[in-house]
């Protein structure tokens, strides 16, 4: 009869190997820049700079702002483009207010 603790130890060792492999993959640098500025993001999306800025002002496009500069994550832009329309800030506020009742 097999010792159940030996089986558990063997399975834990296999899991540890898998976790190490996943960690090494996530530490690799991506092939492209992850964050870009307004001009590059607008070009990437096929929009004019002014249109892109308006969309950020209306919170229609995922972005971050640091020190007055806008930054865009290309992966989030891809998801935004693929996902179609995102809820606007006013819709999010309405949902939150409805949830508080």
N, C-alpha and C. Protein backbone atom coordinates (compact mmCIF):
# COMPACT_ATOMS: atom_id res chain seq x y z
N UNK A 1 0.84 -1.17 0.00
CA UNK A 1 0.00 0.00 0.00
C UNK A 1 0.90 1.25 0.00
N UNK A 2 0.57 2.22 -0.86
CA UNK A 2 1.36 3.45 -0.96
C UNK A 2 1.08 4.38 0.21
N UNK A 3 2.11 5.07 0.60
CA UNK A 3 1.98 6.05 1.67
C UNK A 3 1.32 7.31 1.08
N UNK A 4 0.18 7.75 1.61
CA UNK A 4 -0.50 8.92 1.03
C UNK A 4 0.34 10.19 1.14
N UNK A 5 1.19 10.28 2.15
CA UNK A 5 2.03 11.47 2.30
C UNK A 5 3.07 11.56 1.19
N UNK A 6 3.56 10.42 0.72
CA UNK A 6 4.51 10.42 -0.38
C UNK A 6 3.83 10.90 -1.67
N UNK A 7 2.59 10.49 -1.87
CA UNK A 7 1.85 10.94 -3.05
C UNK A 7 1.61 12.44 -3.00
N UNK A 8 1.25 12.94 -1.82
CA UNK A 8 1.00 14.37 -1.66
C UNK A 8 2.28 15.15 -1.91
N UNK A 9 3.39 14.66 -1.39
CA UNK A 9 4.67 15.33 -1.58
C UNK A 9 5.05 15.37 -3.05
N UNK A 10 4.83 14.27 -3.75
CA UNK A 10 5.14 14.22 -5.18
C UNK A 10 4.28 15.22 -5.96
N UNK A 11 3.00 15.31 -5.61
CA UNK A 11 2.11 16.25 -6.29
C UNK A 11 2.50 17.69 -5.99
N UNK A 12 2.89 17.98 -4.76
CA UNK A 12 3.33 19.33 -4.40
C UNK A 12 4.60 19.71 -5.14
N UNK A 13 5.52 18.75 -5.29
CA UNK A 13 6.74 19.02 -6.05
C UNK A 13 6.42 19.34 -7.51
N UNK A 14 5.48 18.60 -8.09
CA UNK A 14 5.08 18.86 -9.47
C UNK A 14 4.44 20.25 -9.61
N UNK A 15 3.62 20.62 -8.62
CA UNK A 15 3.00 21.95 -8.63
C UNK A 15 4.06 23.04 -8.51
N UNK A 16 5.05 22.83 -7.67
CA UNK A 16 6.12 23.81 -7.50
C UNK A 16 6.87 24.03 -8.81
N UNK A 17 7.10 22.96 -9.55
CA UNK A 17 7.77 23.08 -10.84
C UNK A 17 6.92 23.90 -11.81
N UNK A 18 5.61 23.65 -11.83
CA UNK A 18 4.71 24.40 -12.69
C UNK A 18 4.67 25.88 -12.32
N UNK A 19 4.62 26.17 -11.03
CA UNK A 19 4.59 27.56 -10.57
C UNK A 19 5.87 28.28 -10.98
N UNK A 20 7.01 27.64 -10.83
CA UNK A 20 8.28 28.26 -11.23
C UNK A 20 8.29 28.55 -12.72
N UNK A 21 7.75 27.63 -13.52
CA UNK A 21 7.70 27.84 -14.97
C UNK A 21 6.80 29.03 -15.31
N UNK A 22 5.66 29.14 -14.64
CA UNK A 22 4.77 30.28 -14.88
C UNK A 22 5.41 31.60 -14.47
N UNK A 23 6.10 31.59 -13.34
CA UNK A 23 6.78 32.81 -12.88
C UNK A 23 7.84 33.26 -13.88
N UNK A 24 8.57 32.33 -14.43
CA UNK A 24 9.62 32.70 -15.37
C UNK A 24 9.01 33.29 -16.64
N UNK A 25 7.84 32.83 -17.03
CA UNK A 25 7.18 33.38 -18.21
C UNK A 25 6.68 34.80 -17.97
N UNK A 26 6.17 35.07 -16.78
CA UNK A 26 5.64 36.39 -16.49
C UNK A 26 6.76 37.41 -16.31
N UNK A 27 7.97 36.98 -15.99
CA UNK A 27 9.09 37.90 -15.82
C UNK A 27 9.71 38.31 -17.15
N UNK A 28 9.35 37.64 -18.23
CA UNK A 28 9.89 37.98 -19.54
C UNK A 28 9.31 39.31 -20.00
N UNK A 29 10.11 40.09 -20.69
CA UNK A 29 9.65 41.39 -21.19
C UNK A 29 8.83 41.17 -22.46
N UNK A 30 7.77 41.96 -22.63
CA UNK A 30 6.96 41.82 -23.85
C UNK A 30 7.72 42.30 -25.08
N UNK A 31 7.24 41.87 -26.25
CA UNK A 31 7.90 42.23 -27.50
C UNK A 31 7.69 43.71 -27.84
N UNK A 32 6.63 44.30 -27.37
CA UNK A 32 6.36 45.70 -27.68
C UNK A 32 6.27 46.52 -26.39
N UNK A 33 6.32 47.83 -26.57
CA UNK A 33 6.18 48.70 -25.41
C UNK A 33 4.79 48.51 -24.82
N UNK A 34 4.72 48.47 -23.51
CA UNK A 34 3.43 48.26 -22.87
C UNK A 34 2.63 49.55 -22.78
N UNK A 35 3.28 50.65 -22.47
CA UNK A 35 2.58 51.93 -22.33
C UNK A 35 3.08 52.91 -23.38
N UNK A 36 2.13 53.67 -23.91
CA UNK A 36 2.47 54.67 -24.92
C UNK A 36 1.79 55.98 -24.56
N UNK A 37 2.23 57.05 -25.20
CA UNK A 37 1.64 58.36 -25.00
C UNK A 37 0.42 58.57 -25.88
N UNK A 38 -0.12 59.78 -25.81
CA UNK A 38 -1.35 60.11 -26.53
C UNK A 38 -1.20 59.94 -28.04
N UNK A 39 -0.13 60.47 -28.61
CA UNK A 39 0.04 60.42 -30.07
C UNK A 39 0.14 58.99 -30.58
N UNK A 40 0.94 58.19 -29.88
CA UNK A 40 1.09 56.78 -30.30
C UNK A 40 -0.21 56.01 -30.13
N UNK A 41 -0.93 56.28 -29.04
CA UNK A 41 -2.20 55.58 -28.81
C UNK A 41 -3.22 55.96 -29.87
N UNK A 42 -3.28 57.25 -30.21
CA UNK A 42 -4.22 57.70 -31.24
C UNK A 42 -3.90 57.04 -32.58
N UNK A 43 -2.63 56.99 -32.91
CA UNK A 43 -2.21 56.35 -34.16
C UNK A 43 -2.55 54.87 -34.14
N UNK A 44 -2.31 54.22 -33.00
CA UNK A 44 -2.60 52.79 -32.84
C UNK A 44 -4.09 52.49 -33.05
N UNK A 45 -4.94 53.40 -32.54
CA UNK A 45 -6.40 53.20 -32.66
C UNK A 45 -6.96 53.75 -33.96
N UNK A 46 -6.15 54.46 -34.72
CA UNK A 46 -6.63 55.04 -35.97
C UNK A 46 -7.48 56.28 -35.75
N UNK A 47 -7.20 57.03 -34.68
CA UNK A 47 -7.95 58.23 -34.35
C UNK A 47 -7.03 59.44 -34.38
N UNK A 48 -7.63 60.62 -34.51
CA UNK A 48 -6.87 61.86 -34.42
C UNK A 48 -6.50 62.10 -32.95
N UNK A 49 -5.42 62.83 -32.72
CA UNK A 49 -5.00 63.14 -31.35
C UNK A 49 -6.12 63.83 -30.58
N UNK A 50 -6.77 64.78 -31.23
CA UNK A 50 -7.85 65.53 -30.57
C UNK A 50 -9.00 64.59 -30.17
N UNK A 51 -9.36 63.66 -31.04
CA UNK A 51 -10.43 62.70 -30.74
C UNK A 51 -10.05 61.82 -29.57
N UNK A 52 -8.81 61.38 -29.56
CA UNK A 52 -8.34 60.52 -28.47
C UNK A 52 -8.37 61.28 -27.15
N UNK A 53 -7.95 62.54 -27.18
CA UNK A 53 -7.98 63.34 -25.97
C UNK A 53 -9.41 63.53 -25.47
N UNK A 54 -10.34 63.78 -26.38
CA UNK A 54 -11.75 63.93 -25.98
C UNK A 54 -12.27 62.65 -25.35
N UNK A 55 -11.90 61.52 -25.91
CA UNK A 55 -12.35 60.24 -25.37
C UNK A 55 -11.78 60.00 -23.97
N UNK A 56 -10.56 60.45 -23.73
CA UNK A 56 -10.01 60.30 -22.38
C UNK A 56 -10.72 61.24 -21.42
N UNK A 57 -11.02 62.45 -21.89
CA UNK A 57 -11.72 63.41 -21.04
C UNK A 57 -13.09 62.88 -20.63
N UNK A 58 -13.76 62.21 -21.55
CA UNK A 58 -15.09 61.64 -21.28
C UNK A 58 -15.00 60.26 -20.62
N UNK A 59 -13.76 59.79 -20.38
CA UNK A 59 -13.51 58.48 -19.78
C UNK A 59 -14.11 57.34 -20.61
N UNK A 60 -13.97 57.47 -21.90
CA UNK A 60 -14.48 56.44 -22.81
C UNK A 60 -13.39 55.45 -23.21
N UNK A 61 -12.14 55.79 -22.92
CA UNK A 61 -11.03 54.93 -23.31
C UNK A 61 -10.15 54.70 -22.06
N UNK A 62 -9.65 53.48 -21.86
CA UNK A 62 -8.82 53.23 -20.68
C UNK A 62 -7.48 53.97 -20.78
N UNK A 63 -7.15 54.67 -19.71
CA UNK A 63 -5.91 55.44 -19.68
C UNK A 63 -5.50 55.71 -18.24
N UNK A 64 -4.30 56.21 -18.08
CA UNK A 64 -3.84 56.67 -16.77
C UNK A 64 -3.17 58.02 -16.97
N UNK A 65 -3.13 58.79 -15.90
CA UNK A 65 -2.57 60.12 -15.98
C UNK A 65 -1.56 60.28 -14.86
N UNK A 66 -0.34 60.65 -15.21
CA UNK A 66 0.73 60.84 -14.24
C UNK A 66 1.40 62.17 -14.55
N UNK A 67 1.38 63.06 -13.57
CA UNK A 67 2.04 64.35 -13.75
C UNK A 67 1.50 65.15 -14.92
N UNK A 68 0.23 65.04 -15.19
CA UNK A 68 -0.38 65.78 -16.29
C UNK A 68 -0.21 65.13 -17.66
N UNK A 69 0.48 64.01 -17.72
CA UNK A 69 0.66 63.30 -19.00
C UNK A 69 -0.24 62.09 -19.06
N UNK A 70 -0.77 61.82 -20.23
CA UNK A 70 -1.64 60.66 -20.44
C UNK A 70 -0.82 59.48 -20.93
N UNK A 71 -1.15 58.31 -20.40
CA UNK A 71 -0.52 57.06 -20.82
C UNK A 71 -1.59 56.04 -21.12
N UNK A 72 -1.29 55.18 -22.09
CA UNK A 72 -2.23 54.16 -22.53
C UNK A 72 -1.53 52.82 -22.57
N UNK A 73 -2.15 51.80 -22.01
CA UNK A 73 -1.63 50.44 -22.05
C UNK A 73 -2.16 49.79 -23.32
N UNK A 74 -1.27 49.30 -24.16
CA UNK A 74 -1.68 48.75 -25.44
C UNK A 74 -2.59 47.53 -25.29
N UNK A 75 -2.36 46.72 -24.26
CA UNK A 75 -3.22 45.56 -24.04
C UNK A 75 -4.64 46.01 -23.69
N UNK A 76 -4.75 47.05 -22.86
CA UNK A 76 -6.08 47.57 -22.51
C UNK A 76 -6.75 48.22 -23.72
N UNK A 77 -5.97 48.89 -24.56
CA UNK A 77 -6.54 49.45 -25.79
C UNK A 77 -7.06 48.35 -26.70
N UNK A 78 -6.32 47.25 -26.80
CA UNK A 78 -6.79 46.11 -27.60
C UNK A 78 -8.11 45.59 -27.05
N UNK A 79 -8.19 45.44 -25.73
CA UNK A 79 -9.43 44.94 -25.12
C UNK A 79 -10.57 45.93 -25.33
N UNK A 80 -10.26 47.22 -25.26
CA UNK A 80 -11.28 48.25 -25.47
C UNK A 80 -11.80 48.20 -26.91
N UNK A 81 -10.88 48.05 -27.85
CA UNK A 81 -11.28 47.98 -29.26
C UNK A 81 -12.08 46.70 -29.51
N UNK A 82 -11.60 45.58 -28.99
CA UNK A 82 -12.28 44.30 -29.20
C UNK A 82 -13.63 44.23 -28.49
N UNK A 83 -13.71 44.85 -27.34
CA UNK A 83 -14.93 44.77 -26.53
C UNK A 83 -16.02 45.72 -26.96
N UNK A 84 -15.71 46.61 -27.88
CA UNK A 84 -16.73 47.57 -28.29
C UNK A 84 -16.90 48.67 -27.25
N UNK A 85 -18.09 49.01 -27.00
CA UNK A 85 -18.39 50.12 -26.12
C UNK A 85 -18.23 49.75 -24.66
N UNK A 86 -17.59 50.62 -23.91
CA UNK A 86 -17.43 50.48 -22.46
C UNK A 86 -18.46 51.38 -21.79
N UNK A 87 -18.89 51.00 -20.59
CA UNK A 87 -19.82 51.88 -19.89
C UNK A 87 -19.17 53.23 -19.59
N UNK A 88 -19.96 54.28 -19.74
CA UNK A 88 -19.45 55.63 -19.47
C UNK A 88 -19.49 55.89 -17.97
N UNK A 89 -18.81 56.93 -17.56
CA UNK A 89 -18.73 57.28 -16.14
C UNK A 89 -20.12 57.51 -15.55
N UNK A 90 -21.01 58.12 -16.31
CA UNK A 90 -22.37 58.39 -15.81
C UNK A 90 -23.14 57.09 -15.60
N UNK A 91 -22.94 56.11 -16.48
CA UNK A 91 -23.62 54.82 -16.32
C UNK A 91 -23.09 54.06 -15.11
N UNK A 92 -21.79 54.14 -14.88
CA UNK A 92 -21.19 53.50 -13.72
C UNK A 92 -21.74 54.11 -12.45
N UNK A 93 -21.86 55.45 -12.44
CA UNK A 93 -22.40 56.14 -11.27
C UNK A 93 -23.84 55.75 -11.02
N UNK A 94 -24.63 55.61 -12.08
CA UNK A 94 -26.03 55.20 -11.93
C UNK A 94 -26.13 53.78 -11.36
N UNK A 95 -25.27 52.89 -11.82
CA UNK A 95 -25.27 51.52 -11.30
C UNK A 95 -24.88 51.48 -9.83
N UNK A 96 -23.92 52.31 -9.47
CA UNK A 96 -23.51 52.35 -8.08
C UNK A 96 -24.63 52.89 -7.19
N UNK A 97 -25.31 53.93 -7.70
CA UNK A 97 -26.41 54.50 -6.92
C UNK A 97 -27.55 53.49 -6.79
N UNK A 98 -27.81 52.73 -7.83
CA UNK A 98 -28.87 51.72 -7.78
C UNK A 98 -28.50 50.60 -6.81
N UNK A 99 -27.21 50.29 -6.70
CA UNK A 99 -26.76 49.25 -5.81
C UNK A 99 -26.80 49.66 -4.34
N UNK A 100 -26.81 50.97 -4.07
CA UNK A 100 -26.83 51.46 -2.70
C UNK A 100 -28.23 51.54 -2.11
N UNK A 101 -29.24 51.31 -2.92
CA UNK A 101 -30.63 51.40 -2.42
C UNK A 101 -31.00 50.21 -1.59
